[in-house]
Full PDB file with SEQRES, HELIX, SHEET, SSBOND, CRYST1, ORIGX, SCALE, CONECT and MASTER records, all heavy atoms in Angstrom:
SEQRES   1 A   28  VAL MET GLY TRP PHE ARG GLN ALA PRO GLY LYS GLU ARG          
SEQRES   2 A   28  GLU PHE VAL ALA ALA ILE ARG HIS SER ASP ASP THR TRP          
SEQRES   3 A   28  TYR ALA                                                      
SHEET    1 AA1 3 MET A   2  ARG A   6  0                                        
SHEET    2 AA1 3 GLU A  14  ILE A  19 -1                                        
SHEET    3 AA1 3 THR A  25  TYR A  27 -1                                        
CRYST1    1.000    1.000    1.000  90.00  90.00  90.00 P 1           1          
ORIGX1      1.000000  0.000000  0.000000        0.00000                         
ORIGX2      0.000000  1.000000  0.000000        0.00000                         
ORIGX3      0.000000  0.000000  1.000000        0.00000                         
SCALE1      1.000000  0.000000  0.000000        0.00000                         
SCALE2      0.000000  1.000000  0.000000        0.00000                         
SCALE3      0.000000  0.000000  1.000000        0.00000                         
ATOM      1  N   VAL A   1     -12.189  -3.029 -58.323  1.00  0.00           N  
ATOM      2  CA  VAL A   1     -13.525  -2.776 -58.874  1.00  0.00           C  
ATOM      3  C   VAL A   1     -14.350  -4.014 -58.722  1.00  0.00           C  
ATOM      4  O   VAL A   1     -13.922  -5.146 -58.997  1.00  0.00           O  
ATOM      5  CB  VAL A   1     -13.374  -2.386 -60.267  1.00  0.00           C  
ATOM      6  CG1 VAL A   1     -14.819  -2.286 -61.051  1.00  0.00           C  
ATOM      7  CG2 VAL A   1     -12.623  -1.172 -60.554  1.00  0.00           C  
ATOM      8  N   MET A   2     -15.575  -3.803 -58.326  1.00  0.00           N  
ATOM      9  CA  MET A   2     -16.637  -4.932 -58.045  1.00  0.00           C  
ATOM     10  C   MET A   2     -17.576  -4.850 -59.131  1.00  0.00           C  
ATOM     11  O   MET A   2     -18.137  -3.791 -59.478  1.00  0.00           O  
ATOM     12  CB  MET A   2     -17.174  -4.925 -56.767  1.00  0.00           C  
ATOM     13  CG  MET A   2     -16.098  -4.943 -55.523  1.00  0.00           C  
ATOM     14  SD  MET A   2     -15.217  -6.420 -55.567  1.00  0.00           S  
ATOM     15  CE  MET A   2     -16.415  -7.678 -55.372  1.00  0.00           C  
ATOM     16  N   GLY A   3     -17.972  -5.982 -59.745  1.00  0.00           N  
ATOM     17  CA  GLY A   3     -18.973  -6.023 -60.790  1.00  0.00           C  
ATOM     18  C   GLY A   3     -19.937  -7.104 -60.693  1.00  0.00           C  
ATOM     19  O   GLY A   3     -19.688  -8.110 -59.946  1.00  0.00           O  
ATOM     20  N   TRP A   4     -21.039  -6.840 -61.323  1.00  0.00           N  
ATOM     21  CA  TRP A   4     -22.036  -7.814 -61.471  1.00  0.00           C  
ATOM     22  C   TRP A   4     -22.258  -8.186 -62.934  1.00  0.00           C  
ATOM     23  O   TRP A   4     -22.373  -7.327 -63.814  1.00  0.00           O  
ATOM     24  CB  TRP A   4     -23.416  -7.343 -60.958  1.00  0.00           C  
ATOM     25  CG  TRP A   4     -23.521  -7.250 -59.458  1.00  0.00           C  
ATOM     26  CD1 TRP A   4     -23.333  -6.157 -58.729  1.00  0.00           C  
ATOM     27  CD2 TRP A   4     -23.777  -8.312 -58.465  1.00  0.00           C  
ATOM     28  NE1 TRP A   4     -23.447  -6.445 -57.379  1.00  0.00           N  
ATOM     29  CE2 TRP A   4     -23.761  -7.733 -57.252  1.00  0.00           C  
ATOM     30  CE3 TRP A   4     -24.073  -9.710 -58.672  1.00  0.00           C  
ATOM     31  CZ2 TRP A   4     -24.023  -8.492 -56.087  1.00  0.00           C  
ATOM     32  CZ3 TRP A   4     -24.333 -10.404 -57.604  1.00  0.00           C  
ATOM     33  CH2 TRP A   4     -24.320  -9.814 -56.274  1.00  0.00           C  
ATOM     34  N   PHE A   5     -22.239  -9.502 -63.156  1.00  0.00           N  
ATOM     35  CA  PHE A   5     -22.595 -10.102 -64.421  1.00  0.00           C  
ATOM     36  C   PHE A   5     -23.673 -11.162 -64.363  1.00  0.00           C  
ATOM     37  O   PHE A   5     -23.998 -11.568 -63.234  1.00  0.00           O  
ATOM     38  CB  PHE A   5     -21.330 -10.815 -65.031  1.00  0.00           C  
ATOM     39  CG  PHE A   5     -20.279  -9.910 -65.610  1.00  0.00           C  
ATOM     40  CD1 PHE A   5     -19.472  -9.179 -64.614  1.00  0.00           C  
ATOM     41  CD2 PHE A   5     -19.994  -9.772 -66.924  1.00  0.00           C  
ATOM     42  CE1 PHE A   5     -18.417  -8.412 -65.115  1.00  0.00           C  
ATOM     43  CE2 PHE A   5     -18.962  -8.888 -67.392  1.00  0.00           C  
ATOM     44  CZ  PHE A   5     -18.129  -8.285 -66.482  1.00  0.00           C  
ATOM     45  N   ARG A   6     -24.361 -11.387 -65.430  1.00  0.00           N  
ATOM     46  CA  ARG A   6     -25.391 -12.409 -65.394  1.00  0.00           C  
ATOM     47  C   ARG A   6     -25.351 -13.352 -66.589  1.00  0.00           C  
ATOM     48  O   ARG A   6     -24.852 -12.945 -67.737  1.00  0.00           O  
ATOM     49  CB  ARG A   6     -26.758 -11.656 -65.327  1.00  0.00           C  
ATOM     50  CG  ARG A   6     -27.196 -10.964 -66.536  1.00  0.00           C  
ATOM     51  CD  ARG A   6     -28.467 -10.114 -66.258  1.00  0.00           C  
ATOM     52  NE  ARG A   6     -28.917  -9.355 -67.554  1.00  0.00           N  
ATOM     53  CZ  ARG A   6     -29.798  -8.456 -67.449  1.00  0.00           C  
ATOM     54  NH1 ARG A   6     -30.542  -8.257 -66.355  1.00  0.00           N  
ATOM     55  NH2 ARG A   6     -30.246  -7.883 -68.620  1.00  0.00           N  
ATOM     56  N   GLN A   7     -25.858 -14.531 -66.455  1.00  0.00           N  
ATOM     57  CA  GLN A   7     -25.778 -15.521 -67.502  1.00  0.00           C  
ATOM     58  C   GLN A   7     -27.121 -16.196 -67.468  1.00  0.00           C  
ATOM     59  O   GLN A   7     -27.446 -16.896 -66.520  1.00  0.00           O  
ATOM     60  CB  GLN A   7     -24.633 -16.375 -67.422  1.00  0.00           C  
ATOM     61  CG  GLN A   7     -24.482 -17.353 -68.595  1.00  0.00           C  
ATOM     62  CD  GLN A   7     -23.065 -18.029 -68.637  1.00  0.00           C  
ATOM     63  OE1 GLN A   7     -22.442 -18.045 -67.472  1.00  0.00           O  
ATOM     64  NE2 GLN A   7     -22.625 -18.417 -69.780  1.00  0.00           N  
ATOM     65  N   ALA A   8     -27.815 -16.192 -68.561  1.00  0.00           N  
ATOM     66  CA  ALA A   8     -29.000 -16.997 -68.846  1.00  0.00           C  
ATOM     67  C   ALA A   8     -28.709 -18.278 -69.585  1.00  0.00           C  
ATOM     68  O   ALA A   8     -27.683 -18.235 -70.343  1.00  0.00           O  
ATOM     69  CB  ALA A   8     -30.036 -16.176 -69.635  1.00  0.00           C  
ATOM     70  N   PRO A   9     -29.508 -19.338 -69.421  1.00  0.00           N  
ATOM     71  CA  PRO A   9     -29.235 -20.604 -70.193  1.00  0.00           C  
ATOM     72  C   PRO A   9     -29.049 -20.330 -71.646  1.00  0.00           C  
ATOM     73  O   PRO A   9     -29.904 -19.672 -72.384  1.00  0.00           O  
ATOM     74  CB  PRO A   9     -30.481 -21.478 -69.990  1.00  0.00           C  
ATOM     75  CG  PRO A   9     -30.932 -20.907 -68.720  1.00  0.00           C  
ATOM     76  CD  PRO A   9     -30.714 -19.480 -68.537  1.00  0.00           C  
ATOM     77  N   GLY A  10     -27.942 -20.923 -72.292  1.00  0.00           N  
ATOM     78  CA  GLY A  10     -27.665 -20.806 -73.706  1.00  0.00           C  
ATOM     79  C   GLY A  10     -27.147 -19.404 -74.161  1.00  0.00           C  
ATOM     80  O   GLY A  10     -27.024 -19.247 -75.368  1.00  0.00           O  
ATOM     81  N   LYS A  11     -26.829 -18.475 -73.150  1.00  0.00           N  
ATOM     82  CA  LYS A  11     -26.368 -17.254 -73.549  1.00  0.00           C  
ATOM     83  C   LYS A  11     -25.010 -16.977 -72.974  1.00  0.00           C  
ATOM     84  O   LYS A  11     -24.637 -17.638 -71.968  1.00  0.00           O  
ATOM     85  CB  LYS A  11     -27.323 -16.126 -73.119  1.00  0.00           C  
ATOM     86  CG  LYS A  11     -28.736 -16.254 -73.738  1.00  0.00           C  
ATOM     87  CD  LYS A  11     -29.600 -15.079 -73.220  1.00  0.00           C  
ATOM     88  CE  LYS A  11     -29.111 -13.766 -73.725  1.00  0.00           C  
ATOM     89  NZ  LYS A  11     -30.175 -12.581 -73.222  1.00  0.00           N  
ATOM     90  N   GLU A  12     -24.283 -15.974 -73.506  1.00  0.00           N  
ATOM     91  CA  GLU A  12     -22.982 -15.488 -72.836  1.00  0.00           C  
ATOM     92  C   GLU A  12     -23.220 -14.844 -71.587  1.00  0.00           C  
ATOM     93  O   GLU A  12     -24.188 -14.195 -71.455  1.00  0.00           O  
ATOM     94  CB  GLU A  12     -22.287 -14.669 -73.939  1.00  0.00           C  
ATOM     95  CG  GLU A  12     -21.980 -15.492 -75.254  1.00  0.00           C  
ATOM     96  CD  GLU A  12     -20.822 -16.320 -75.208  1.00  0.00           C  
ATOM     97  OE1 GLU A  12     -20.039 -16.296 -74.258  1.00  0.00           O  
ATOM     98  OE2 GLU A  12     -20.829 -17.295 -76.099  1.00  0.00           O  
ATOM     99  N   ARG A  13     -22.193 -14.846 -70.737  1.00  0.00           N  
ATOM    100  CA  ARG A  13     -22.109 -14.023 -69.549  1.00  0.00           C  
ATOM    101  C   ARG A  13     -22.010 -12.578 -69.993  1.00  0.00           C  
ATOM    102  O   ARG A  13     -21.225 -12.205 -70.770  1.00  0.00           O  
ATOM    103  CB  ARG A  13     -20.984 -14.420 -68.629  1.00  0.00           C  
ATOM    104  CG  ARG A  13     -21.052 -13.703 -67.388  1.00  0.00           C  
ATOM    105  CD  ARG A  13     -19.811 -14.175 -66.390  1.00  0.00           C  
ATOM    106  NE  ARG A  13     -20.142 -15.594 -66.105  1.00  0.00           N  
ATOM    107  CZ  ARG A  13     -19.607 -16.219 -65.078  1.00  0.00           C  
ATOM    108  NH1 ARG A  13     -18.650 -15.608 -64.239  1.00  0.00           N  
ATOM    109  NH2 ARG A  13     -19.817 -17.542 -64.815  1.00  0.00           N  
ATOM    110  N   GLU A  14     -22.940 -11.748 -69.515  1.00  0.00           N  
ATOM    111  CA  GLU A  14     -23.108 -10.331 -69.907  1.00  0.00           C  
ATOM    112  C   GLU A  14     -22.878  -9.399 -68.702  1.00  0.00           C  
ATOM    113  O   GLU A  14     -23.333  -9.669 -67.581  1.00  0.00           O  
ATOM    114  CB  GLU A  14     -24.417 -10.045 -70.693  1.00  0.00           C  
ATOM    115  CG  GLU A  14     -25.597 -10.154 -69.760  1.00  0.00           C  
ATOM    116  CD  GLU A  14     -26.850  -9.619 -70.493  1.00  0.00           C  
ATOM    117  OE1 GLU A  14     -26.719  -9.170 -71.695  1.00  0.00           O  
ATOM    118  OE2 GLU A  14     -27.846  -9.781 -69.959  1.00  0.00           O  
ATOM    119  N   PHE A  15     -22.294  -8.283 -68.967  1.00  0.00           N  
ATOM    120  CA  PHE A  15     -22.109  -7.282 -67.955  1.00  0.00           C  
ATOM    121  C   PHE A  15     -23.343  -6.651 -67.607  1.00  0.00           C  
ATOM    122  O   PHE A  15     -24.280  -6.353 -68.365  1.00  0.00           O  
ATOM    123  CB  PHE A  15     -21.084  -6.173 -68.617  1.00  0.00           C  
ATOM    124  CG  PHE A  15     -20.991  -4.922 -67.646  1.00  0.00           C  
ATOM    125  CD1 PHE A  15     -20.197  -4.893 -66.618  1.00  0.00           C  
ATOM    126  CD2 PHE A  15     -21.737  -3.806 -68.076  1.00  0.00           C  
ATOM    127  CE1 PHE A  15     -20.101  -3.749 -65.807  1.00  0.00           C  
ATOM    128  CE2 PHE A  15     -21.626  -2.622 -67.292  1.00  0.00           C  
ATOM    129  CZ  PHE A  15     -20.773  -2.603 -66.081  1.00  0.00           C  
ATOM    130  N   VAL A  16     -23.467  -6.340 -66.270  1.00  0.00           N  
ATOM    131  CA  VAL A  16     -24.638  -5.702 -65.708  1.00  0.00           C  
ATOM    132  C   VAL A  16     -24.251  -4.407 -65.109  1.00  0.00           C  
ATOM    133  O   VAL A  16     -24.828  -3.362 -65.477  1.00  0.00           O  
ATOM    134  CB  VAL A  16     -25.342  -6.532 -64.568  1.00  0.00           C  
ATOM    135  CG1 VAL A  16     -26.512  -5.902 -64.015  1.00  0.00           C  
ATOM    136  CG2 VAL A  16     -25.818  -7.971 -65.262  1.00  0.00           C  
ATOM    137  N   ALA A  17     -23.372  -4.392 -64.158  1.00  0.00           N  
ATOM    138  CA  ALA A  17     -22.982  -3.093 -63.423  1.00  0.00           C  
ATOM    139  C   ALA A  17     -21.679  -3.307 -62.736  1.00  0.00           C  
ATOM    140  O   ALA A  17     -21.353  -4.430 -62.472  1.00  0.00           O  
ATOM    141  CB  ALA A  17     -24.098  -2.743 -62.376  1.00  0.00           C  
ATOM    142  N   ALA A  18     -20.924  -2.253 -62.546  1.00  0.00           N  
ATOM    143  CA  ALA A  18     -19.669  -2.213 -61.883  1.00  0.00           C  
ATOM    144  C   ALA A  18     -19.484  -0.942 -60.968  1.00  0.00           C  
ATOM    145  O   ALA A  18     -20.169   0.139 -61.457  1.00  0.00           O  
ATOM    146  CB  ALA A  18     -18.518  -2.462 -62.733  1.00  0.00           C  
ATOM    147  N   ILE A  19     -18.710  -1.113 -59.990  1.00  0.00           N  
ATOM    148  CA  ILE A  19     -18.449   0.100 -59.077  1.00  0.00           C  
ATOM    149  C   ILE A  19     -16.989   0.138 -58.643  1.00  0.00           C  
ATOM    150  O   ILE A  19     -16.434  -0.971 -58.226  1.00  0.00           O  
ATOM    151  CB  ILE A  19     -19.369   0.042 -57.876  1.00  0.00           C  
ATOM    152  CG1 ILE A  19     -19.139   1.385 -57.076  1.00  0.00           C  
ATOM    153  CG2 ILE A  19     -19.266  -1.219 -57.057  1.00  0.00           C  
ATOM    154  CD1 ILE A  19     -20.301   1.654 -56.138  1.00  0.00           C  
ATOM    155  N   ARG A  20     -16.411   1.289 -58.611  1.00  0.00           N  
ATOM    156  CA  ARG A  20     -15.037   1.539 -58.148  1.00  0.00           C  
ATOM    157  C   ARG A  20     -15.320   2.245 -56.771  1.00  0.00           C  
ATOM    158  O   ARG A  20     -15.074   1.696 -55.678  1.00  0.00           O  
ATOM    159  CB  ARG A  20     -14.208   2.224 -59.035  1.00  0.00           C  
ATOM    160  CG  ARG A  20     -12.706   2.475 -58.429  1.00  0.00           C  
ATOM    161  CD  ARG A  20     -11.776   2.848 -59.555  1.00  0.00           C  
ATOM    162  NE  ARG A  20     -12.268   4.054 -60.339  1.00  0.00           N  
ATOM    163  CZ  ARG A  20     -11.903   4.384 -61.521  1.00  0.00           C  
ATOM    164  NH1 ARG A  20     -10.978   3.617 -62.254  1.00  0.00           N  
ATOM    165  NH2 ARG A  20     -12.410   5.436 -62.107  1.00  0.00           N  
ATOM    166  N   HIS A  21     -15.540   3.494 -56.827  1.00  0.00           N  
ATOM    167  CA  HIS A  21     -15.911   4.325 -55.681  1.00  0.00           C  
ATOM    168  C   HIS A  21     -17.364   4.584 -55.714  1.00  0.00           C  
ATOM    169  O   HIS A  21     -18.115   4.166 -56.738  1.00  0.00           O  
ATOM    170  CB  HIS A  21     -15.081   5.638 -55.643  1.00  0.00           C  
ATOM    171  CG  HIS A  21     -13.669   5.544 -55.816  1.00  0.00           C  
ATOM    172  ND1 HIS A  21     -12.843   4.889 -54.890  1.00  0.00           N  
ATOM    173  CD2 HIS A  21     -12.873   5.864 -56.806  1.00  0.00           C  
ATOM    174  CE1 HIS A  21     -11.539   4.891 -55.361  1.00  0.00           C  
ATOM    175  NE2 HIS A  21     -11.519   5.482 -56.403  1.00  0.00           N  
ATOM    176  N   SER A  22     -17.885   5.075 -54.595  1.00  0.00           N  
ATOM    177  CA  SER A  22     -19.272   5.234 -54.504  1.00  0.00           C  
ATOM    178  C   SER A  22     -20.121   5.982 -55.553  1.00  0.00           C  
ATOM    179  O   SER A  22     -21.132   5.534 -55.940  1.00  0.00           O  
ATOM    180  CB  SER A  22     -19.586   5.960 -53.142  1.00  0.00           C  
ATOM    181  OG  SER A  22     -19.245   5.277 -52.039  1.00  0.00           O  
ATOM    182  N   ASP A  23     -19.444   6.941 -56.239  1.00  0.00           N  
ATOM    183  CA  ASP A  23     -19.999   7.678 -57.323  1.00  0.00           C  
ATOM    184  C   ASP A  23     -19.408   7.374 -58.572  1.00  0.00           C  
ATOM    185  O   ASP A  23     -19.487   8.129 -59.639  1.00  0.00           O  
ATOM    186  CB  ASP A  23     -19.964   9.259 -57.037  1.00  0.00           C  
ATOM    187  CG  ASP A  23     -20.766   9.507 -55.837  1.00  0.00           C  
ATOM    188  OD1 ASP A  23     -21.855   8.966 -55.628  1.00  0.00           O  
ATOM    189  OD2 ASP A  23     -20.457  10.424 -55.079  1.00  0.00           O  
ATOM    190  N   ASP A  24     -18.606   6.353 -58.751  1.00  0.00           N  
ATOM    191  CA  ASP A  24     -17.938   5.896 -60.044  1.00  0.00           C  
ATOM    192  C   ASP A  24     -18.418   4.571 -60.321  1.00  0.00           C  
ATOM    193  O   ASP A  24     -17.985   3.480 -60.005  1.00  0.00           O  
ATOM    194  CB  ASP A  24     -16.425   5.860 -59.713  1.00  0.00           C  
ATOM    195  CG  ASP A  24     -15.583   5.681 -60.959  1.00  0.00           C  
ATOM    196  OD1 ASP A  24     -16.194   5.850 -62.076  1.00  0.00           O  
ATOM    197  OD2 ASP A  24     -14.314   5.638 -60.846  1.00  0.00           O  
ATOM    198  N   THR A  25     -19.450   4.588 -61.175  1.00  0.00           N  
ATOM    199  CA  THR A  25     -20.282   3.353 -61.496  1.00  0.00           C  
ATOM    200  C   THR A  25     -20.381   3.254 -63.001  1.00  0.00           C  
ATOM    201  O   THR A  25     -20.413   4.234 -63.796  1.00  0.00           O  
ATOM    202  CB  THR A  25     -21.529   3.314 -60.863  1.00  0.00           C  
ATOM    203  OG1 THR A  25     -22.348   4.447 -61.113  1.00  0.00           O  
ATOM    204  CG2 THR A  25     -21.522   3.354 -59.335  1.00  0.00           C  
ATOM    205  N   TRP A  26     -20.660   2.032 -63.500  1.00  0.00           N  
ATOM    206  CA  TRP A  26     -21.015   1.639 -64.844  1.00  0.00           C  
ATOM    207  C   TRP A  26     -22.207   0.823 -64.858  1.00  0.00           C  
ATOM    208  O   TRP A  26     -22.415  -0.029 -63.971  1.00  0.00           O  
ATOM    209  CB  TRP A  26     -19.781   0.883 -65.498  1.00  0.00           C  
ATOM    210  CG  TRP A  26     -18.564   1.701 -65.572  1.00  0.00           C  
ATOM    211  CD1 TRP A  26     -18.051   2.334 -66.638  1.00  0.00           C  
ATOM    212  CD2 TRP A  26     -17.489   1.754 -64.555  1.00  0.00           C  
ATOM    213  NE1 TRP A  26     -16.833   2.897 -66.291  1.00  0.00           N  
ATOM    214  CE2 TRP A  26     -16.391   2.536 -65.009  1.00  0.00           C  
ATOM    215  CE3 TRP A  26     -17.435   1.277 -63.297  1.00  0.00           C  
ATOM    216  CZ2 TRP A  26     -15.322   2.877 -64.296  1.00  0.00           C  
ATOM    217  CZ3 TRP A  26     -16.295   1.591 -62.513  1.00  0.00           C  
ATOM    218  CH2 TRP A  26     -15.186   2.330 -63.043  1.00  0.00           C  
ATOM    219  N   TYR A  27     -22.975   0.896 -65.944  1.00  0.00           N  
ATOM    220  CA  TYR A  27     -24.206   0.184 -66.041  1.00  0.00           C  
ATOM    221  C   TYR A  27     -24.439  -0.207 -67.543  1.00  0.00           C  
ATOM    222  O   TYR A  27     -24.208   0.547 -68.416  1.00  0.00           O  
ATOM    223  CB  TYR A  27     -25.509   1.010 -65.631  1.00  0.00           C  
ATOM    224  CG  TYR A  27     -25.518   1.133 -64.191  1.00  0.00           C  
ATOM    225  CD1 TYR A  27     -25.158   2.466 -63.677  1.00  0.00           C  
ATOM    226  CD2 TYR A  27     -26.026   0.324 -63.214  1.00  0.00           C  
ATOM    227  CE1 TYR A  27     -25.233   2.797 -62.290  1.00  0.00           C  
ATOM    228  CE2 TYR A  27     -25.994   0.549 -61.847  1.00  0.00           C  
ATOM    229  CZ  TYR A  27     -25.564   1.816 -61.410  1.00  0.00           C  
ATOM    230  OH  TYR A  27     -25.698   2.030 -60.124  1.00  0.00           O  
ATOM    231  N   ALA A  28     -24.917  -1.506 -67.696  1.00  0.00           N  
ATOM    232  CA  ALA A  28     -25.413  -1.846 -68.969  1.00  0.00           C  
ATOM    233  C   ALA A  28     -26.689  -1.084 -69.445  1.00  0.00           C  
ATOM    234  O   ALA A  28     -27.393  -0.684 -68.592  1.00  0.00           O  
ATOM    235  CB  ALA A  28     -25.653  -3.380 -69.079  1.00  0.00           C  
TER     236      ALA A  28                                                      
MASTER        0    0    0    0    3    0    0    6  235    1    0    3          
END                                                                             
């Protein structure tokens, strides 16, 4: 599973999106 996270200064790393198969995805 491949995922994207993001982190702004002074904040925790947060989930953005993830994908397993082409139509199997998750989004914040």
